[in-house]
Protein backbone atom coordinates (compact mmCIF):
# COMPACT_ATOMS: atom_id res chain seq x y z
CA MET A 1 50.52 38.42 3.94
CA ARG A 2 48.02 39.70 6.50
CA ILE A 3 46.44 37.45 9.13
CA LEU A 4 43.70 38.83 11.39
CA HIS A 5 43.16 37.19 14.76
CA LEU A 6 39.51 37.44 15.81
CA PRO A 7 39.10 36.23 19.42
CA GLY A 8 35.51 35.43 20.28
CA ARG A 9 35.68 37.58 23.41
CA ALA A 10 36.53 40.69 21.38
CA VAL A 11 33.53 40.46 19.03
CA TRP A 12 30.96 38.65 21.16
CA GLY A 13 27.53 40.20 20.58
CA TYR A 14 28.61 42.04 17.44
CA SER A 15 26.30 42.20 14.46
CA GLU A 16 27.31 40.93 11.03
CA LYS A 17 27.76 44.54 9.91
CA GLU A 18 30.13 45.28 12.80
CA ILE A 19 32.20 42.17 12.07
CA GLU A 20 32.26 43.09 8.38
CA ASP A 21 33.51 46.56 9.37
CA ILE A 22 36.50 45.02 11.19
CA LEU A 23 37.31 42.70 8.30
CA GLU A 24 37.09 45.47 5.72
CA TYR A 25 39.33 47.71 7.79
CA PHE A 26 42.17 45.17 7.78
CA LYS A 27 41.40 43.30 4.52
CA PRO A 28 43.29 40.20 5.72
CA ASP A 29 44.35 37.31 3.54
CA ILE A 30 43.25 34.97 6.34
CA SER A 31 40.95 35.49 9.34
CA LEU A 32 41.88 33.25 12.27
CA THR A 33 39.22 32.82 14.95
CA THR A 34 39.78 31.51 18.49
CA GLN A 35 37.41 30.57 21.32
CA MET A 36 34.40 31.40 19.19
CA LYS A 37 30.99 29.71 19.44
CA TRP A 38 29.44 28.30 16.31
CA LYS A 39 26.80 31.04 15.87
CA LEU A 40 29.52 33.70 15.90
CA LYS A 41 31.62 31.61 13.51
CA ARG A 42 28.71 31.55 11.07
CA LYS A 43 28.48 35.35 11.28
CA VAL A 44 32.15 35.70 10.41
CA GLU A 45 31.84 33.28 7.50
CA SER A 46 28.71 34.97 6.16
CA VAL A 47 30.34 38.39 5.80
CA SER A 48 33.99 37.50 5.12
CA LYS A 49 35.43 37.84 1.63
CA TYR A 50 38.61 36.22 2.91
CA GLU A 51 39.65 32.73 3.94
CA THR A 52 38.60 31.92 7.50
CA ILE A 53 40.32 29.34 9.72
CA HIS A 54 38.69 28.41 13.03
CA MET A 55 41.60 27.44 15.22
CA ASP A 56 39.59 25.20 17.54
CA SER A 57 38.49 23.16 14.51
CA VAL A 58 42.08 22.30 13.59
CA ASP A 59 42.98 18.73 14.48
CA GLY A 60 46.70 18.47 15.21
CA TYR A 61 47.97 20.94 12.64
CA LYS A 62 46.98 22.59 9.36
CA GLU A 63 49.28 23.83 6.60
CA ARG A 64 48.76 26.57 4.04
CA ASN A 65 51.25 27.09 1.20
CA LEU A 66 51.09 30.81 0.45
CA ASP A 67 53.42 31.96 -2.34
CA ASP A 68 56.74 32.69 -0.60
CA GLU A 69 55.49 31.66 2.86
CA ILE A 70 54.23 28.51 4.54
CA LEU A 71 51.70 28.88 7.36
CA VAL A 72 51.22 26.15 9.97
CA ILE A 73 48.45 26.23 12.59
CA LEU A 74 49.78 23.98 15.35
CA ARG A 75 47.48 22.67 18.09
CA ASP A 76 49.09 19.39 19.17
CA SER A 77 52.56 19.34 20.74
CA ASP A 78 53.04 15.78 19.52
CA ALA A 79 52.67 17.05 15.95
CA ALA A 80 55.64 19.44 16.20
CA PRO A 81 58.33 16.80 15.54
CA LYS A 82 56.30 15.50 12.60
CA LEU A 83 56.30 18.79 10.71
CA ASP A 84 58.36 18.43 7.56
CA PHE A 85 59.58 21.69 6.05
CA ASN A 86 61.97 20.03 3.62
CA GLY A 87 59.73 20.83 0.68
CA TYR A 88 59.62 24.49 1.62
CA ARG A 89 63.28 25.49 1.54
CA GLY A 90 63.70 29.16 0.73
CA LYS A 91 60.26 30.02 2.08
CA ARG A 92 59.46 31.94 5.23
CA LYS A 93 57.76 29.69 7.79
CA LEU A 94 55.08 30.91 10.18
CA VAL A 95 53.87 28.70 12.99
CA ILE A 96 50.82 29.94 14.92
CA THR A 97 49.93 27.98 18.02
CA ASP A 98 47.75 28.20 21.12
CA LEU A 99 49.99 25.80 23.07
CA ILE A 100 52.73 28.20 24.23
CA ARG A 101 51.66 30.53 26.99
CA GLU A 102 53.12 32.63 29.77
CA GLN A 103 52.85 31.35 33.34
CA MET A 104 53.81 32.99 36.61
CA ASP A 105 55.48 31.37 39.60
CA THR A 106 53.25 32.49 42.49
CA SER A 107 56.12 32.35 44.99
CA SER A 108 58.76 34.27 43.02
CA PHE A 109 56.43 36.15 40.65
CA ASP A 110 58.76 35.18 37.78
CA PHE A 111 57.30 34.54 34.35
CA SER A 112 58.19 31.56 32.21
CA LEU A 113 56.82 29.91 29.07
CA ALA A 114 54.68 26.80 29.29
CA ASN A 115 55.16 24.22 26.51
CA ALA A 116 58.31 25.98 25.34
CA SER A 117 59.71 22.60 24.26
CA ILE A 118 57.79 23.14 21.02
CA VAL A 119 60.30 25.86 20.19
CA ASP A 120 63.15 23.38 20.64
CA GLU A 121 61.51 21.05 18.12
CA LEU A 122 61.21 23.80 15.51
CA LYS A 123 63.96 26.36 15.99
CA GLY A 124 66.47 24.59 13.75
CA GLU A 125 64.49 25.73 10.73
CA ASP A 126 65.72 28.76 8.81
CA ASP A 127 63.52 31.87 8.45
CA LEU A 128 61.05 30.62 11.07
CA HIS A 129 58.64 32.71 13.12
CA ILE A 130 56.58 31.29 15.98
CA LEU A 131 53.49 33.14 17.22
CA SER A 132 51.17 32.30 20.10
CA THR A 133 47.53 33.32 20.34
CA GLU A 134 47.83 32.77 24.11
CA ILE A 135 50.47 35.47 24.59
CA GLU A 136 49.35 39.07 24.48
CA ALA A 137 50.16 40.79 21.19
CA GLY A 138 53.10 43.14 21.56
CA LYS A 139 54.99 40.85 23.92
CA LYS A 140 58.05 39.06 22.53
CA PRO A 141 59.35 36.57 25.10
CA GLU A 142 62.37 34.43 24.24
CA HIS A 143 63.20 30.76 24.71
CA GLY A 144 66.65 29.41 23.93
CA GLY A 145 67.51 32.55 21.99
CA HIS A 146 64.41 32.30 19.80
CA ARG A 147 61.76 35.02 20.00
CA ILE A 148 58.09 34.08 20.39
CA TYR A 149 55.68 36.72 19.08
CA GLY A 150 52.53 37.33 21.06
CA PHE A 151 49.45 37.17 18.82
CA GLY A 152 46.70 37.18 21.42
CA LEU A 153 44.15 39.73 22.45
CA SER A 154 45.81 42.80 23.95
CA SER A 155 43.99 44.08 27.04
CA GLY A 156 45.44 47.34 28.29
CA LEU A 157 43.82 50.03 30.41
CA GLY A 158 41.18 50.59 27.74
CA ASP A 159 39.25 48.18 25.57
CA ASP A 160 40.49 44.92 24.07
CA LYS A 161 42.70 45.38 21.02
CA ILE A 162 42.37 42.99 18.10
CA PRO A 163 45.74 42.04 16.51
CA ASN A 164 46.45 41.85 12.80
CA LEU A 165 49.71 40.25 11.67
CA VAL A 166 51.69 41.64 8.74
CA THR A 167 54.27 39.02 7.84
CA GLY A 168 57.76 39.69 6.54
CA LYS A 169 61.36 39.62 7.73
CA ARG A 170 60.05 40.47 11.18
CA PRO A 171 56.35 39.93 11.90
CA HIS A 172 54.67 43.24 12.56
CA ILE A 173 51.39 43.43 14.47
CA GLU A 174 48.81 46.16 14.02
CA PHE A 175 45.98 46.74 16.48
CA LEU A 176 42.35 47.80 16.40
CA ASP A 177 40.45 48.82 19.50
CA SER A 178 37.59 46.31 19.46
CA LYS A 179 35.07 49.06 20.18
CA LYS A 180 36.08 51.21 17.20
CA VAL A 181 33.47 49.88 14.80
CA GLY A 182 30.47 51.56 13.23
CA LEU A 183 29.90 55.11 14.43
CA ALA A 184 32.33 54.56 17.31
CA ALA A 185 35.20 54.33 14.77
CA ILE A 186 34.91 58.09 14.32
CA PRO A 187 37.43 60.01 16.49
CA GLY A 188 35.78 61.55 19.54
CA LEU A 189 32.42 59.92 18.93
CA GLY A 190 31.91 57.69 21.96
CA GLY A 191 28.95 55.70 23.22
CA LYS A 192 26.97 58.66 24.57
CA PHE A 193 27.03 60.55 21.29
CA SER A 194 26.49 57.39 19.23
CA THR A 195 23.23 56.92 21.14
CA LYS A 196 22.34 60.58 20.62
CA LEU A 197 22.88 60.30 16.86
CA GLU A 198 20.95 57.02 16.67
CA ASN A 199 18.02 58.73 18.39
CA MET A 200 18.21 61.30 15.59
CA GLY A 201 17.94 58.53 12.99
CA ILE A 202 21.67 58.47 12.21
CA SER A 203 22.76 54.88 12.87
CA THR A 204 25.63 54.29 10.41
CA ARG A 205 28.71 56.11 9.16
CA ASP A 206 27.09 56.25 5.75
CA ASP A 207 24.11 58.09 7.26
CA LEU A 208 26.46 60.58 8.91
CA SER A 209 28.79 61.08 5.95
CA GLY A 210 25.97 62.34 3.75
CA LEU A 211 24.96 65.15 6.12
CA ASN A 212 25.93 68.78 6.20
CA PRO A 213 27.45 69.53 9.63
CA ARG A 214 24.98 72.38 10.01
CA GLU A 215 22.18 69.80 10.30
CA ILE A 216 23.40 68.47 13.66
CA LEU A 217 25.50 71.19 15.27
CA ASP A 218 22.56 72.62 17.25
CA TYR A 219 22.02 69.42 19.23
CA GLU A 220 23.16 69.68 22.82
CA GLY A 221 26.86 68.97 23.27
CA ILE A 222 27.74 68.75 19.57
CA GLY A 223 28.54 72.22 18.21
CA PRO A 224 30.61 73.31 15.17
CA TYR A 225 33.82 71.34 15.78
CA ARG A 226 32.26 67.96 16.56
CA SER A 227 29.67 68.18 13.80
CA THR A 228 32.28 69.08 11.17
CA LYS A 229 34.89 66.58 12.33
CA TRP A 230 32.37 63.73 12.66
CA VAL A 231 30.74 64.24 9.25
CA CYS A 232 34.10 64.56 7.49
CA SER A 233 35.60 61.61 9.41
CA ALA A 234 32.63 59.42 8.49
CA ARG A 235 33.15 60.30 4.84
CA SER A 236 36.90 59.74 5.16
CA LEU A 237 36.45 56.26 6.65
CA GLU A 238 33.82 55.26 4.12
CA GLU A 239 35.83 56.43 1.11
CA GLU A 240 39.31 55.77 2.59
CA SER A 241 40.27 59.31 1.61
CA VAL A 242 41.75 62.40 3.29
CA PHE A 243 39.66 65.54 3.72
CA ARG A 244 40.81 68.83 5.18
CA ILE A 245 38.46 70.63 7.54
CA LYS A 246 40.26 73.98 7.49
CA GLU A 247 42.84 75.95 5.55
CA ASN A 248 46.48 74.91 5.83
CA ASP A 249 48.07 77.37 8.27
CA LEU A 250 51.53 75.85 7.69
CA LYS A 251 51.56 76.79 4.01
CA GLY A 252 54.61 78.90 3.21
CA ARG A 253 56.27 78.13 6.55
CA HIS A 254 59.75 76.67 6.96
CA ARG A 255 58.82 73.22 8.31
CA LEU A 256 61.26 70.94 10.14
CA PHE A 257 59.90 67.46 10.93
CA ILE A 258 61.87 65.91 13.79
CA ASP A 259 61.92 62.67 15.76
CA ILE A 260 64.19 61.51 18.57
CA GLU A 261 65.31 58.05 19.67
CA THR A 262 66.17 57.40 23.31
CA ASP A 263 67.14 54.51 25.53
CA SER A 264 63.77 54.57 27.36
CA LEU A 265 60.66 56.65 28.04
CA GLN A 266 62.62 58.30 30.86
CA PRO A 267 65.80 58.76 28.85
CA ASN A 268 69.39 58.83 29.99
CA ILE A 269 70.47 59.66 26.45
CA ILE A 270 69.05 60.92 23.18
CA TRP A 271 71.09 58.85 20.75
CA HIS A 272 69.46 59.81 17.46
CA ILE A 273 67.74 62.89 16.09
CA GLY A 274 66.19 62.67 12.64
CA LEU A 275 65.18 65.83 10.81
CA SER A 276 63.51 66.50 7.46
CA ASP A 277 63.85 70.08 6.22
CA ASP A 278 60.91 70.94 3.97
CA ARG A 279 62.73 73.97 2.59
CA ASP A 280 65.54 72.07 0.87
CA GLY A 281 63.91 68.61 0.88
CA GLU A 282 66.89 67.12 2.70
CA TYR A 283 66.91 64.54 5.50
CA HIS A 284 69.51 64.94 8.23
CA SER A 285 70.57 62.27 10.71
CA PHE A 286 72.34 62.99 14.01
CA LEU A 287 73.62 59.76 15.59
CA GLU A 288 75.58 59.22 18.80
CA LYS A 289 77.33 55.86 18.94
CA ASP A 290 79.23 56.62 22.15
CA PRO A 291 76.88 56.52 25.18
CA ASP A 292 79.47 58.40 27.24
CA LYS A 293 79.19 61.50 25.04
CA LYS A 294 75.57 62.43 25.64
CA GLY A 295 76.02 66.11 24.90
CA ARG A 296 77.73 65.83 21.53
CA ILE A 297 74.59 65.00 19.54
CA ILE A 298 72.72 67.85 21.24
CA ARG A 299 75.40 70.37 20.25
CA HIS A 300 75.43 69.12 16.65
CA PHE A 301 71.64 69.44 16.51
CA MET A 302 71.82 72.98 17.91
CA ASP A 303 74.50 73.88 15.36
CA TYR A 304 71.97 73.01 12.66
CA LEU A 305 69.13 74.97 14.28
CA GLU A 306 71.29 78.03 14.87
CA GLU A 307 72.36 78.05 11.24
CA GLU A 308 69.06 77.19 9.55
CA ILE A 309 66.05 78.49 11.45
CA GLY A 310 64.36 81.84 10.89
CA GLU A 311 61.24 83.68 11.98
CA ASP A 312 59.02 81.47 9.78
CA THR A 313 60.47 78.16 11.09
CA CYS A 314 58.37 75.65 12.98
CA LEU A 315 59.35 72.27 14.41
CA LEU A 316 56.86 69.42 14.04
CA ALA A 317 56.97 66.13 15.96
CA TRP A 318 54.38 63.39 16.42
CA TYR A 319 53.26 63.48 20.05
CA GLY A 320 56.01 66.05 20.38
CA LYS A 321 54.44 68.00 23.22
CA LYS A 322 54.67 65.04 25.60
CA PHE A 323 57.93 63.49 24.43
CA ASP A 324 60.27 64.87 21.75
CA PHE A 325 60.00 68.56 22.66
CA GLU A 326 59.97 67.91 26.39
CA HIS A 327 63.13 65.79 26.39
CA LEU A 328 65.00 67.84 23.79
CA GLY A 329 64.39 70.95 25.88
CA GLU A 330 65.68 69.19 28.99
CA PHE A 331 68.82 67.87 27.27
CA ILE A 332 69.57 71.21 25.57
CA GLY A 333 69.31 72.93 28.95
CA ARG A 334 71.72 70.38 30.39
CA TYR A 335 74.32 70.12 27.61
CA ASP A 336 74.05 73.39 25.63
CA PRO A 337 72.53 75.95 28.04
CA ASP A 338 74.03 78.96 26.26
CA ARG A 339 71.83 78.24 23.24
CA LYS A 340 68.69 77.21 25.11
CA HIS A 341 67.10 80.53 24.07
CA ILE A 342 67.26 79.45 20.41
CA TRP A 343 65.26 76.32 21.25
CA GLU A 344 62.75 78.24 23.35
CA GLU A 345 62.11 80.88 20.70
CA VAL A 346 61.39 78.55 17.75
CA GLU A 347 57.74 77.52 17.38
CA LYS A 348 57.06 73.89 18.24
CA ILE A 349 53.92 72.14 16.97
CA ASP A 350 52.65 68.74 18.06
CA PHE A 351 51.99 67.32 14.59
CA MET A 352 49.58 64.68 15.90
CA GLU A 353 47.36 67.42 17.35
CA TRP A 354 47.75 69.58 14.24
CA SER A 355 46.65 66.70 11.98
CA ASP A 356 43.64 66.00 14.17
CA LYS A 357 42.50 69.63 14.07
CA HIS A 358 43.08 70.15 10.35
CA ALA A 359 41.97 66.93 8.71
CA ALA A 360 39.70 63.90 8.72
CA LEU A 361 41.77 60.77 8.15
CA PRO A 362 40.70 57.16 7.39
CA CYS A 363 42.32 55.89 10.60
CA ARG A 364 41.09 54.42 13.88
CA SER A 365 44.30 54.97 15.79
CA SER A 366 46.53 57.99 16.36
CA LYS A 367 49.79 56.02 16.29
CA LEU A 368 52.22 57.36 13.70
CA TYR A 369 52.68 54.05 11.88
CA ASP A 370 48.93 53.37 11.78
CA VAL A 371 48.16 56.80 10.35
CA SER A 372 50.96 56.88 7.78
CA SER A 373 50.38 53.32 6.57
CA ARG A 374 46.64 53.97 6.16
CA LEU A 375 47.53 56.92 3.95
CA GLY A 376 49.84 54.77 1.83
CA TYR A 377 53.31 55.28 3.30
CA GLU A 378 55.48 52.19 2.84
CA SER A 379 57.98 51.76 5.64
CA SER A 380 61.46 50.61 4.74
CA LEU A 381 61.72 48.52 7.89
CA LEU A 382 58.80 46.78 9.59
CA GLY A 383 58.88 44.79 12.79
CA LEU A 384 60.81 47.26 14.96
CA ASP A 385 59.19 49.75 17.30
CA GLY A 386 60.42 52.42 19.69
CA GLY A 387 60.59 49.94 22.55
CA ASP A 388 62.72 47.55 20.47
CA VAL A 389 65.29 50.13 19.41
CA GLY A 390 65.41 51.57 22.93
CA ARG A 391 66.22 48.14 24.35
CA ILE A 392 68.83 47.51 21.66
CA TYR A 393 70.64 50.74 22.58
CA SER A 394 70.24 50.09 26.32
CA ARG A 395 71.92 46.69 25.97
CA TYR A 396 74.73 48.37 24.04
CA MET A 397 75.15 50.91 26.85
CA THR A 398 75.81 48.11 29.34
CA ASP A 399 77.81 45.85 27.01
CA ARG A 400 79.77 47.53 24.20
CA ASP A 401 80.35 44.16 22.54
CA LEU A 402 76.63 44.11 21.62
CA GLU A 403 77.03 46.77 18.95
CA PRO A 404 73.78 47.42 17.08
CA ASP A 405 73.27 47.38 13.34
CA TRP A 406 73.54 51.17 13.07
CA GLU A 407 72.28 51.36 9.50
CA GLU A 408 69.18 49.40 10.46
CA LEU A 409 68.48 51.70 13.40
CA LYS A 410 69.02 54.78 11.24
CA THR A 411 66.59 53.36 8.66
CA TYR A 412 63.97 52.86 11.38
CA ALA A 413 64.47 56.41 12.65
CA LYS A 414 64.29 57.88 9.15
CA ASP A 415 60.96 56.15 8.54
CA ASP A 416 59.43 57.95 11.53
CA VAL A 417 60.48 61.34 10.19
CA MET A 418 59.63 60.76 6.55
CA SER A 419 56.24 59.27 7.41
CA MET A 420 55.35 62.59 9.10
CA LYS A 421 56.31 64.54 6.00
CA TYR A 422 54.25 62.06 3.96
CA ILE A 423 51.20 62.64 6.18
CA TYR A 424 51.57 66.40 5.81
CA ASP A 425 51.80 66.14 2.02
CA GLU A 426 48.68 63.94 1.91
CA ILE A 427 46.73 66.36 4.12
CA LYS A 428 47.93 69.28 2.00
CA LYS A 429 46.52 67.60 -1.13
CA GLY A 430 43.17 66.72 0.46
CA PRO A 431 40.15 68.81 -0.54
CA ILE A 432 38.17 70.75 2.04
CA LEU A 433 34.86 68.93 2.46
CA HIS A 434 33.44 71.32 5.07
CA ASP A 435 35.36 74.31 6.43
CA ILE A 436 35.14 74.34 10.21
CA ASP A 437 36.13 78.02 10.45
CA GLU A 438 33.24 79.03 8.18
CA ILE A 439 30.82 76.91 10.19
CA LYS A 440 32.10 78.38 13.46
CA LYS A 441 31.64 81.89 12.07
CA GLU A 442 28.07 81.17 10.97
CA TYR A 443 27.32 79.55 14.32
CA GLY A 444 28.70 82.56 16.20
CA GLU A 445 26.71 85.02 14.10
CA ARG A 446 23.49 83.12 14.88
CA TYR A 447 24.08 83.12 18.60
């Protein structure tokens, strides 16, 4: 089940078409609005093909029986003890509330949960998940050993991010930058260029997708790359399809997709290296269960590289330039310096950058999960992220009695690797809509 949380603040001032764009991107089973004035509510209702629940219109609590799940919108703490789940044994139970919130002690600067007693009333239920629209999405505070999932607006350094809940064994939350609607959903097409295109009579993605890039590349600041990428991206988003914008320069290469797992963003250990070898179609997993033997996994990984790589080999990692390659290089230099030259000589490609330069994808985020899931990859394990698995391993490093579920962590790590291979295969199959190299050549010949 998919539940989209639409906070009024995130979509205030949006047109019906912009709200429809958000809804169609997520295609939720239920849209849940919060802190939304009645005119905006009417806009949502007028364009939504899905059930809409206005949270501030719920009196006490509201139940929805949804196949193998029961959803409860809880707005009155006195109603918590009255909830009767006896008729829903064997079903997953989701409680979404706006009552639980984080609060800070101004003297100690410690955070705690307000109204956490609601958790005590409910936590005896089996297969229960509690979410709060007043806690920022992505946060997962605990009370009495029970995790509370944040389902509120996420406000980072950039724009507000609208959360969409994918239910399951562990609730998984996707995000959409609230500004990435209409033309602004196209990668690299910000407000300045949106205005420029609108002044040219191009006000929608549909308008843009029907153009030939050559029709707009002469306008100041646009050029061959932007015109080609924007037109193809508009078409990709409208048709939810993949289009290449240049020839595949990895064709015929020996491709190794890799991903590392660490204890933190500034790692003390690389405890897992996953690798998919496109030459033999095999997946290889290097796992270190002993935090005191940090170099062993590195040497095993280098044994594989030394044996398998050749002149046509390239390593591909998502955001590899800033993380995987950087830290692998550091750890190889520390624990296997005699073979550092092997690592330095093999070509390393940031697969996120490669994908961006070679294809137009129906995505509004560059996160690996967002891209792969939009293209149809089905993860084996939802609800974990890099931060979760890093914390699990960090706790194990300090207390060996807290041994992780290794098979679960290996499944998570394998998903990251195999989703990259899936993205590559989807890009490889995509037709070339407009060839950026041809357009660049024509542009250069003219000027």
